[in-house]
Amino acid sequence: MSIGVLMNTRGLMEFIVVNLDHDLGVIPESLFFMLVLMAVSTTYMTAPLIRRLIRKTELEPFFQAPGFFQEPLQPPRVTAAGNAG
């Protein structure tokens, strides 16, 4: 199920194809609008669907680990002796 949801995020690739078709005059303005709206909405709903699917799997404890997705990535601190710590 998760793979299917992740395969649905095709926003950038679809935007390129739809813009090309529109510029070449293959698709009318109304169809262009519908395809862009569909690409944005399906890409936008991917994150909530994946979160809901993860809650139902054995991966939930991994994603609930302290700091996972909450804290920004920090570079390692370097001491005066040049050791990372």
PDB file of N, CA and C in Angstrom:
ATOM      1  N   MET A   1       0.833  -1.192   0.000  1.00  0.00           N
ATOM      2  CA  MET A   1       0.000   0.000   0.000  1.00  0.00           C
ATOM      3  C   MET A   1       0.881   1.262   0.000  1.00  0.00           C
ATOM      4  N   SER A   2       1.939   1.233   0.817  1.00  0.00           N
ATOM      5  CA  SER A   2       2.836   2.392   0.894  1.00  0.00           C
ATOM      6  C   SER A   2       3.519   2.656  -0.438  1.00  0.00           C
ATOM      7  N   ILE A   3       3.928   1.598  -1.117  1.00  0.00           N
ATOM      8  CA  ILE A   3       4.582   1.774  -2.415  1.00  0.00           C
ATOM      9  C   ILE A   3       3.613   2.406  -3.410  1.00  0.00           C
ATOM     10  N   GLY A   4       2.381   1.985  -3.385  1.00  0.00           N
ATOM     11  CA  GLY A   4       1.382   2.570  -4.277  1.00  0.00           C
ATOM     12  C   GLY A   4       1.153   4.040  -4.000  1.00  0.00           C
ATOM     13  N   VAL A   5       1.115   4.419  -2.721  1.00  0.00           N
ATOM     14  CA  VAL A   5       0.932   5.831  -2.365  1.00  0.00           C
ATOM     15  C   VAL A   5       2.142   6.641  -2.818  1.00  0.00           C
ATOM     16  N   LEU A   6       3.342   6.110  -2.593  1.00  0.00           N
ATOM     17  CA  LEU A   6       4.543   6.840  -2.992  1.00  0.00           C
ATOM     18  C   LEU A   6       4.680   6.944  -4.508  1.00  0.00           C
ATOM     19  N   MET A   7       4.179   5.973  -5.240  1.00  0.00           N
ATOM     20  CA  MET A   7       4.219   6.051  -6.708  1.00  0.00           C
ATOM     21  C   MET A   7       3.271   7.118  -7.238  1.00  0.00           C
ATOM     22  N   ASN A   8       2.329   7.524  -6.425  1.00  0.00           N
ATOM     23  CA  ASN A   8       1.369   8.535  -6.839  1.00  0.00           C
ATOM     24  C   ASN A   8       1.952   9.945  -6.819  1.00  0.00           C
ATOM     25  N   THR A   9       3.115  10.144  -6.217  1.00  0.00           N
ATOM     26  CA  THR A   9       3.736  11.467  -6.182  1.00  0.00           C
ATOM     27  C   THR A   9       4.517  11.671  -7.464  1.00  0.00           C
ATOM     28  N   ARG A  10       3.859  12.182  -8.430  1.00  0.00           N
ATOM     29  CA  ARG A  10       4.472  12.357  -9.743  1.00  0.00           C
ATOM     30  C   ARG A  10       4.438  13.817 -10.169  1.00  0.00           C
ATOM     31  N   GLY A  11       4.355  14.713  -9.206  1.00  0.00           N
ATOM     32  CA  GLY A  11       4.132  16.120  -9.491  1.00  0.00           C
ATOM     33  C   GLY A  11       5.082  16.751 -10.479  1.00  0.00           C
ATOM     34  N   LEU A  12       6.363  16.715 -10.228  1.00  0.00           N
ATOM     35  CA  LEU A  12       7.310  17.415 -11.093  1.00  0.00           C
ATOM     36  C   LEU A  12       7.315  16.851 -12.497  1.00  0.00           C
ATOM     37  N   MET A  13       7.352  15.545 -12.628  1.00  0.00           N
ATOM     38  CA  MET A  13       7.382  14.930 -13.952  1.00  0.00           C
ATOM     39  C   MET A  13       6.105  15.255 -14.728  1.00  0.00           C
ATOM     40  N   GLU A  14       4.984  15.223 -14.038  1.00  0.00           N
ATOM     41  CA  GLU A  14       3.729  15.533 -14.733  1.00  0.00           C
ATOM     42  C   GLU A  14       3.665  16.999 -15.140  1.00  0.00           C
ATOM     43  N   PHE A  15       4.180  17.882 -14.301  1.00  0.00           N
ATOM     44  CA  PHE A  15       4.202  19.304 -14.668  1.00  0.00           C
ATOM     45  C   PHE A  15       5.000  19.529 -15.941  1.00  0.00           C
ATOM     46  N   ILE A  16       6.111  18.843 -16.073  1.00  0.00           N
ATOM     47  CA  ILE A  16       6.944  18.999 -17.271  1.00  0.00           C
ATOM     48  C   ILE A  16       6.188  18.532 -18.509  1.00  0.00           C
ATOM     49  N   VAL A  17       5.587  17.351 -18.429  1.00  0.00           N
ATOM     50  CA  VAL A  17       4.857  16.803 -19.576  1.00  0.00           C
ATOM     51  C   VAL A  17       3.643  17.662 -19.915  1.00  0.00           C
ATOM     52  N   VAL A  18       2.898  18.076 -18.904  1.00  0.00           N
ATOM     53  CA  VAL A  18       1.689  18.877 -19.141  1.00  0.00           C
ATOM     54  C   VAL A  18       2.050  20.232 -19.743  1.00  0.00           C
ATOM     55  N   ASN A  19       3.113  20.858 -19.242  1.00  0.00           N
ATOM     56  CA  ASN A  19       3.537  22.142 -19.813  1.00  0.00           C
ATOM     57  C   ASN A  19       3.987  21.993 -21.258  1.00  0.00           C
ATOM     58  N   LEU A  20       4.707  20.921 -21.542  1.00  0.00           N
ATOM     59  CA  LEU A  20       5.131  20.671 -22.918  1.00  0.00           C
ATOM     60  C   LEU A  20       3.928  20.496 -23.835  1.00  0.00           C
ATOM     61  N   ASP A  21       2.979  19.661 -23.405  1.00  0.00           N
ATOM     62  CA  ASP A  21       1.775  19.443 -24.220  1.00  0.00           C
ATOM     63  C   ASP A  21       0.989  20.728 -24.413  1.00  0.00           C
ATOM     64  N   HIS A  22       0.892  21.522 -23.380  1.00  0.00           N
ATOM     65  CA  HIS A  22       0.156  22.780 -23.480  1.00  0.00           C
ATOM     66  C   HIS A  22       0.868  23.744 -24.434  1.00  0.00           C
ATOM     67  N   ASP A  23       2.188  23.835 -24.322  1.00  0.00           N
ATOM     68  CA  ASP A  23       2.947  24.723 -25.203  1.00  0.00           C
ATOM     69  C   ASP A  23       2.861  24.295 -26.666  1.00  0.00           C
ATOM     70  N   LEU A  24       2.779  22.987 -26.897  1.00  0.00           N
ATOM     71  CA  LEU A  24       2.665  22.490 -28.270  1.00  0.00           C
ATOM     72  C   LEU A  24       1.234  22.562 -28.803  1.00  0.00           C
ATOM     73  N   GLY A  25       0.283  22.884 -27.932  1.00  0.00           N
ATOM     74  CA  GLY A  25      -1.112  22.996 -28.349  1.00  0.00           C
ATOM     75  C   GLY A  25      -1.833  21.665 -28.414  1.00  0.00           C
ATOM     76  N   VAL A  26      -1.288  20.625 -27.776  1.00  0.00           N
ATOM     77  CA  VAL A  26      -1.903  19.302 -27.807  1.00  0.00           C
ATOM     78  C   VAL A  26      -3.117  19.248 -26.889  1.00  0.00           C
ATOM     79  N   ILE A  27      -3.055  19.936 -25.747  1.00  0.00           N
ATOM     80  CA  ILE A  27      -4.172  19.918 -24.812  1.00  0.00           C
ATOM     81  C   ILE A  27      -4.708  21.341 -24.632  1.00  0.00           C
ATOM     82  N   PRO A  28      -6.032  21.478 -24.464  1.00  0.00           N
ATOM     83  CA  PRO A  28      -6.618  22.806 -24.260  1.00  0.00           C
ATOM     84  C   PRO A  28      -6.378  23.322 -22.840  1.00  0.00           C
ATOM     85  N   GLU A  29      -6.673  24.582 -22.629  1.00  0.00           N
ATOM     86  CA  GLU A  29      -6.454  25.249 -21.339  1.00  0.00           C
ATOM     87  C   GLU A  29      -7.218  24.561 -20.204  1.00  0.00           C
ATOM     88  N   SER A  30      -8.455  24.137 -20.461  1.00  0.00           N
ATOM     89  CA  SER A  30      -9.250  23.509 -19.402  1.00  0.00           C
ATOM     90  C   SER A  30      -8.643  22.180 -18.953  1.00  0.00           C
ATOM     91  N   LEU A  31      -8.167  21.373 -19.885  1.00  0.00           N
ATOM     92  CA  LEU A  31      -7.537  20.105 -19.527  1.00  0.00           C
ATOM     93  C   LEU A  31      -6.200  20.352 -18.820  1.00  0.00           C
ATOM     94  N   PHE A  32      -5.480  21.374 -19.246  1.00  0.00           N
ATOM     95  CA  PHE A  32      -4.229  21.747 -18.585  1.00  0.00           C
ATOM     96  C   PHE A  32      -4.487  22.066 -17.117  1.00  0.00           C
ATOM     97  N   PHE A  33      -5.511  22.851 -16.846  1.00  0.00           N
ATOM     98  CA  PHE A  33      -5.852  23.211 -15.471  1.00  0.00           C
ATOM     99  C   PHE A  33      -6.218  21.976 -14.651  1.00  0.00           C
ATOM    100  N   MET A  34      -7.014  21.076 -15.214  1.00  0.00           N
ATOM    101  CA  MET A  34      -7.419  19.880 -14.486  1.00  0.00           C
ATOM    102  C   MET A  34      -6.218  18.975 -14.175  1.00  0.00           C
ATOM    103  N   LEU A  35      -5.315  18.822 -15.114  1.00  0.00           N
ATOM    104  CA  LEU A  35      -4.149  17.970 -14.888  1.00  0.00           C
ATOM    105  C   LEU A  35      -3.203  18.566 -13.849  1.00  0.00           C
ATOM    106  N   VAL A  36      -3.025  19.877 -13.875  1.00  0.00           N
ATOM    107  CA  VAL A  36      -2.179  20.528 -12.868  1.00  0.00           C
ATOM    108  C   VAL A  36      -2.820  20.403 -11.493  1.00  0.00           C
ATOM    109  N   LEU A  37      -4.111  20.626 -11.397  1.00  0.00           N
ATOM    110  CA  LEU A  37      -4.819  20.494 -10.131  1.00  0.00           C
ATOM    111  C   LEU A  37      -4.722  19.063  -9.588  1.00  0.00           C
ATOM    112  N   MET A  38      -4.858  18.069 -10.457  1.00  0.00           N
ATOM    113  CA  MET A  38      -4.753  16.677 -10.044  1.00  0.00           C
ATOM    114  C   MET A  38      -3.341  16.360  -9.553  1.00  0.00           C
ATOM    115  N   ALA A  39      -2.317  16.848 -10.247  1.00  0.00           N
ATOM    116  CA  ALA A  39      -0.932  16.585  -9.842  1.00  0.00           C
ATOM    117  C   ALA A  39      -0.623  17.223  -8.492  1.00  0.00           C
ATOM    118  N   VAL A  40      -1.096  18.444  -8.282  1.00  0.00           N
ATOM    119  CA  VAL A  40      -0.851  19.127  -7.005  1.00  0.00           C
ATOM    120  C   VAL A  40      -1.583  18.417  -5.874  1.00  0.00           C
ATOM    121  N   SER A  41      -2.836  18.059  -6.083  1.00  0.00           N
ATOM    122  CA  SER A  41      -3.615  17.446  -4.999  1.00  0.00           C
ATOM    123  C   SER A  41      -3.094  16.058  -4.637  1.00  0.00           C
ATOM    124  N   THR A  42      -2.744  15.232  -5.624  1.00  0.00           N
ATOM    125  CA  THR A  42      -2.255  13.894  -5.298  1.00  0.00           C
ATOM    126  C   THR A  42      -0.876  13.944  -4.649  1.00  0.00           C
ATOM    127  N   THR A  43      -0.050  14.903  -5.047  1.00  0.00           N
ATOM    128  CA  THR A  43       1.260  15.051  -4.418  1.00  0.00           C
ATOM    129  C   THR A  43       1.103  15.561  -2.989  1.00  0.00           C
ATOM    130  N   TYR A  44       0.176  16.483  -2.785  1.00  0.00           N
ATOM    131  CA  TYR A  44      -0.044  17.065  -1.460  1.00  0.00           C
ATOM    132  C   TYR A  44      -0.580  16.040  -0.457  1.00  0.00           C
ATOM    133  N   MET A  45      -1.390  15.104  -0.914  1.00  0.00           N
ATOM    134  CA  MET A  45      -1.987  14.157   0.027  1.00  0.00           C
ATOM    135  C   MET A  45      -1.098  12.957   0.318  1.00  0.00           C
ATOM    136  N   THR A  46       0.094  12.890  -0.256  1.00  0.00           N
ATOM    137  CA  THR A  46       0.979  11.757  -0.026  1.00  0.00           C
ATOM    138  C   THR A  46       1.461  11.681   1.420  1.00  0.00           C
ATOM    139  N   ALA A  47       1.936  12.781   1.978  1.00  0.00           N
ATOM    140  CA  ALA A  47       2.482  12.761   3.341  1.00  0.00           C
ATOM    141  C   ALA A  47       1.453  12.309   4.382  1.00  0.00           C
ATOM    142  N   PRO A  48       0.228  12.846   4.390  1.00  0.00           N
ATOM    143  CA  PRO A  48      -0.749  12.352   5.371  1.00  0.00           C
ATOM    144  C   PRO A  48      -1.086  10.863   5.189  1.00  0.00           C
ATOM    145  N   LEU A  49      -1.160  10.405   3.943  1.00  0.00           N
ATOM    146  CA  LEU A  49      -1.464   8.990   3.718  1.00  0.00           C
ATOM    147  C   LEU A  49      -0.332   8.093   4.201  1.00  0.00           C
ATOM    148  N   ILE A  50       0.905   8.488   3.961  1.00  0.00           N
ATOM    149  CA  ILE A  50       2.040   7.690   4.416  1.00  0.00           C
ATOM    150  C   ILE A  50       2.083   7.664   5.940  1.00  0.00           C
ATOM    151  N   ARG A  51       1.832   8.810   6.588  1.00  0.00           N
ATOM    152  CA  ARG A  51       1.806   8.825   8.054  1.00  0.00           C
ATOM    153  C   ARG A  51       0.738   7.874   8.597  1.00  0.00           C
ATOM    154  N   ARG A  52      -0.415   7.873   7.975  1.00  0.00           N
ATOM    155  CA  ARG A  52      -1.503   6.992   8.422  1.00  0.00           C
ATOM    156  C   ARG A  52      -1.142   5.521   8.211  1.00  0.00           C
ATOM    157  N   LEU A  53      -0.486   5.211   7.100  1.00  0.00           N
ATOM    158  CA  LEU A  53      -0.085   3.826   6.841  1.00  0.00           C
ATOM    159  C   LEU A  53       1.024   3.379   7.778  1.00  0.00           C
ATOM    160  N   ILE A  54       1.936   4.282   8.125  1.00  0.00           N
ATOM    161  CA  ILE A  54       3.035   3.926   9.028  1.00  0.00           C
ATOM    162  C   ILE A  54       2.493   3.596  10.407  1.00  0.00           C
ATOM    163  N   ARG A  55       1.468   4.309  10.853  1.00  0.00           N
ATOM    164  CA  ARG A  55       0.876   4.024  12.168  1.00  0.00           C
ATOM    165  C   ARG A  55       0.345   2.600  12.248  1.00  0.00           C
ATOM    166  N   LYS A  56      -0.025   2.028  11.113  1.00  0.00           N
ATOM    167  CA  LYS A  56      -0.608   0.692  11.106  1.00  0.00           C
ATOM    168  C   LYS A  56       0.435  -0.408  10.915  1.00  0.00           C
ATOM    169  N   THR A  57       1.714  -0.065  10.854  1.00  0.00           N
ATOM    170  CA  THR A  57       2.744  -1.072  10.609  1.00  0.00           C
ATOM    171  C   THR A  57       3.677  -1.198  11.795  1.00  0.00           C
ATOM    172  N   GLU A  58       4.616  -2.103  11.669  1.00  0.00           N
ATOM    173  CA  GLU A  58       5.601  -2.314  12.721  1.00  0.00           C
ATOM    174  C   GLU A  58       6.690  -1.240  12.688  1.00  0.00           C
ATOM    175  N   LEU A  59       6.673  -0.353  11.721  1.00  0.00           N
ATOM    176  CA  LEU A  59       7.685   0.701  11.630  1.00  0.00           C
ATOM    177  C   LEU A  59       7.383   1.889  12.529  1.00  0.00           C
ATOM    178  N   GLU A  60       6.227   1.925  13.140  1.00  0.00           N
ATOM    179  CA  GLU A  60       5.848   3.074  13.954  1.00  0.00           C
ATOM    180  C   GLU A  60       6.865   3.411  15.040  1.00  0.00           C
ATOM    181  N   PRO A  61       7.400   2.436  15.808  1.00  0.00           N
ATOM    182  CA  PRO A  61       8.390   2.811  16.831  1.00  0.00           C
ATOM    183  C   PRO A  61       9.625   3.490  16.240  1.00  0.00           C
ATOM    184  N   PHE A  62      10.022   3.100  15.044  1.00  0.00           N
ATOM    185  CA  PHE A  62      11.177   3.722  14.404  1.00  0.00           C
ATOM    186  C   PHE A  62      10.905   5.191  14.109  1.00  0.00           C
ATOM    187  N   PHE A  63       9.720   5.499  13.611  1.00  0.00           N
ATOM    188  CA  PHE A  63       9.395   6.875  13.265  1.00  0.00           C
ATOM    189  C   PHE A  63       9.009   7.711  14.482  1.00  0.00           C
ATOM    190  N   GLN A  64       8.768   7.079  15.617  1.00  0.00           N
ATOM    191  CA  GLN A  64       8.448   7.794  16.833  1.00  0.00           C
ATOM    192  C   GLN A  64       9.682   8.034  17.700  1.00  0.00           C
ATOM    193  N   ALA A  65      10.859   7.661  17.220  1.00  0.00           N
ATOM    194  CA  ALA A  65      12.092   7.853  17.980  1.00  0.00           C
ATOM    195  C   ALA A  65      12.289   9.337  18.275  1.00  0.00           C
ATOM    196  N   PRO A  66      12.858   9.660  19.446  1.00  0.00           N
ATOM    197  CA  PRO A  66      13.053  11.072  19.796  1.00  0.00           C
ATOM    198  C   PRO A  66      13.893  11.785  18.738  1.00  0.00           C
ATOM    199  N   GLY A  67      13.388  12.899  18.302  1.00  0.00           N
ATOM    200  CA  GLY A  67      14.118  13.712  17.344  1.00  0.00           C
ATOM    201  C   GLY A  67      13.890  13.366  15.889  1.00  0.00           C
ATOM    202  N   PHE A  68      13.176  12.298  15.600  1.00  0.00           N
ATOM    203  CA  PHE A  68      12.959  11.926  14.212  1.00  0.00           C
ATOM    204  C   PHE A  68      11.961  12.888  13.577  1.00  0.00           C
ATOM    205  N   PHE A  69      12.369  13.585  12.581  1.00  0.00           N
ATOM    206  CA  PHE A  69      11.578  14.588  11.847  1.00  0.00           C
ATOM    207  C   PHE A  69      11.282  15.847  12.660  1.00  0.00           C
ATOM    208  N   GLN A  70      11.729  15.932  13.905  1.00  0.00           N
ATOM    209  CA  GLN A  70      11.415  17.112  14.696  1.00  0.00           C
ATOM    210  C   GLN A  70      12.569  18.104  14.739  1.00  0.00           C
ATOM    211  N   GLU A  71      13.791  17.629  14.868  1.00  0.00           N
ATOM    212  CA  GLU A  71      14.922  18.527  15.032  1.00  0.00           C
ATOM    213  C   GLU A  71      15.652  18.707  13.709  1.00  0.00           C
ATOM    214  N   PRO A  72      16.079  19.932  13.418  1.00  0.00           N
ATOM    215  CA  PRO A  72      16.865  20.128  12.201  1.00  0.00           C
ATOM    216  C   PRO A  72      18.222  19.455  12.325  1.00  0.00           C
ATOM    217  N   LEU A  73      18.770  19.061  11.203  1.00  0.00           N
ATOM    218  CA  LEU A  73      20.068  18.406  11.188  1.00  0.00           C
ATOM    219  C   LEU A  73      21.150  19.406  11.542  1.00  0.00           C
ATOM    220  N   GLN A  74      21.983  19.073  12.525  1.00  0.00           N
ATOM    221  CA  GLN A  74      23.047  19.954  12.987  1.00  0.00           C
ATOM    222  C   GLN A  74      24.400  19.374  12.589  1.00  0.00           C
ATOM    223  N   PRO A  75      25.329  20.225  12.154  1.00  0.00           N
ATOM    224  CA  PRO A  75      26.666  19.718  11.842  1.00  0.00           C
ATOM    225  C   PRO A  75      27.376  19.324  13.135  1.00  0.00           C
ATOM    226  N   PRO A  76      28.317  18.382  13.082  1.00  0.00           N
ATOM    227  CA  PRO A  76      29.028  17.982  14.297  1.00  0.00           C
ATOM    228  C   PRO A  76      29.896  19.120  14.816  1.00  0.00           C
ATOM    229  N   ARG A  77      30.007  19.214  16.135  1.00  0.00           N
ATOM    230  CA  ARG A  77      30.837  20.250  16.738  1.00  0.00           C
ATOM    231  C   ARG A  77      32.284  19.808  16.718  1.00  0.00           C
ATOM    232  N   VAL A  78      33.152  20.741  16.412  1.00  0.00           N
ATOM    233  CA  VAL A  78      34.564  20.441  16.376  1.00  0.00           C
ATOM    234  C   VAL A  78      35.224  21.185  17.515  1.00  0.00           C
ATOM    235  N   THR A  79      35.991  20.456  18.344  1.00  0.00           N
ATOM    236  CA  THR A  79      36.669  21.057  19.487  1.00  0.00           C
ATOM    237  C   THR A  79      37.970  21.702  19.043  1.00  0.00           C
ATOM    238  N   ALA A  80      38.609  22.365  19.961  1.00  0.00           N
ATOM    239  CA  ALA A  80      39.862  23.042  19.643  1.00  0.00           C
ATOM    240  C   ALA A  80      40.940  22.027  19.218  1.00  0.00           C
ATOM    241  N   ALA A  81      40.841  20.803  19.705  1.00  0.00           N
ATOM    242  CA  ALA A  81      41.828  19.779  19.331  1.00  0.00           C
ATOM    243  C   ALA A  81      41.529  19.180  17.958  1.00  0.00           C
ATOM    244  N   GLY A  82      40.409  19.577  17.343  1.00  0.00           N
ATOM    245  CA  GLY A  82      40.063  19.085  16.012  1.00  0.00           C
ATOM    246  C   GLY A  82      39.228  17.816  16.024  1.00  0.00           C
ATOM    247  N   ASN A  83      38.782  17.389  17.203  1.00  0.00           N
ATOM    248  CA  ASN A  83      37.949  16.192  17.310  1.00  0.00           C
ATOM    249  C   ASN A  83      36.487  16.565  17.168  1.00  0.00           C
ATOM    250  N   ALA A  84      35.765  15.768  16.411  1.00  0.00           N
ATOM    251  CA  ALA A  84      34.314  15.982  16.286  1.00  0.00           C
ATOM    252  C   ALA A  84      33.639  15.352  17.486  1.00  0.00           C
ATOM    253  N   GLY A  85      32.683  16.066  18.049  1.00  0.00           N
ATOM    254  CA  GLY A  85      32.024  15.501  19.237  1.00  0.00           C
ATOM    255  C   GLY A  85      30.642  15.937  19.411  1.00  0.00           C
TER     256      GLY A  85
END
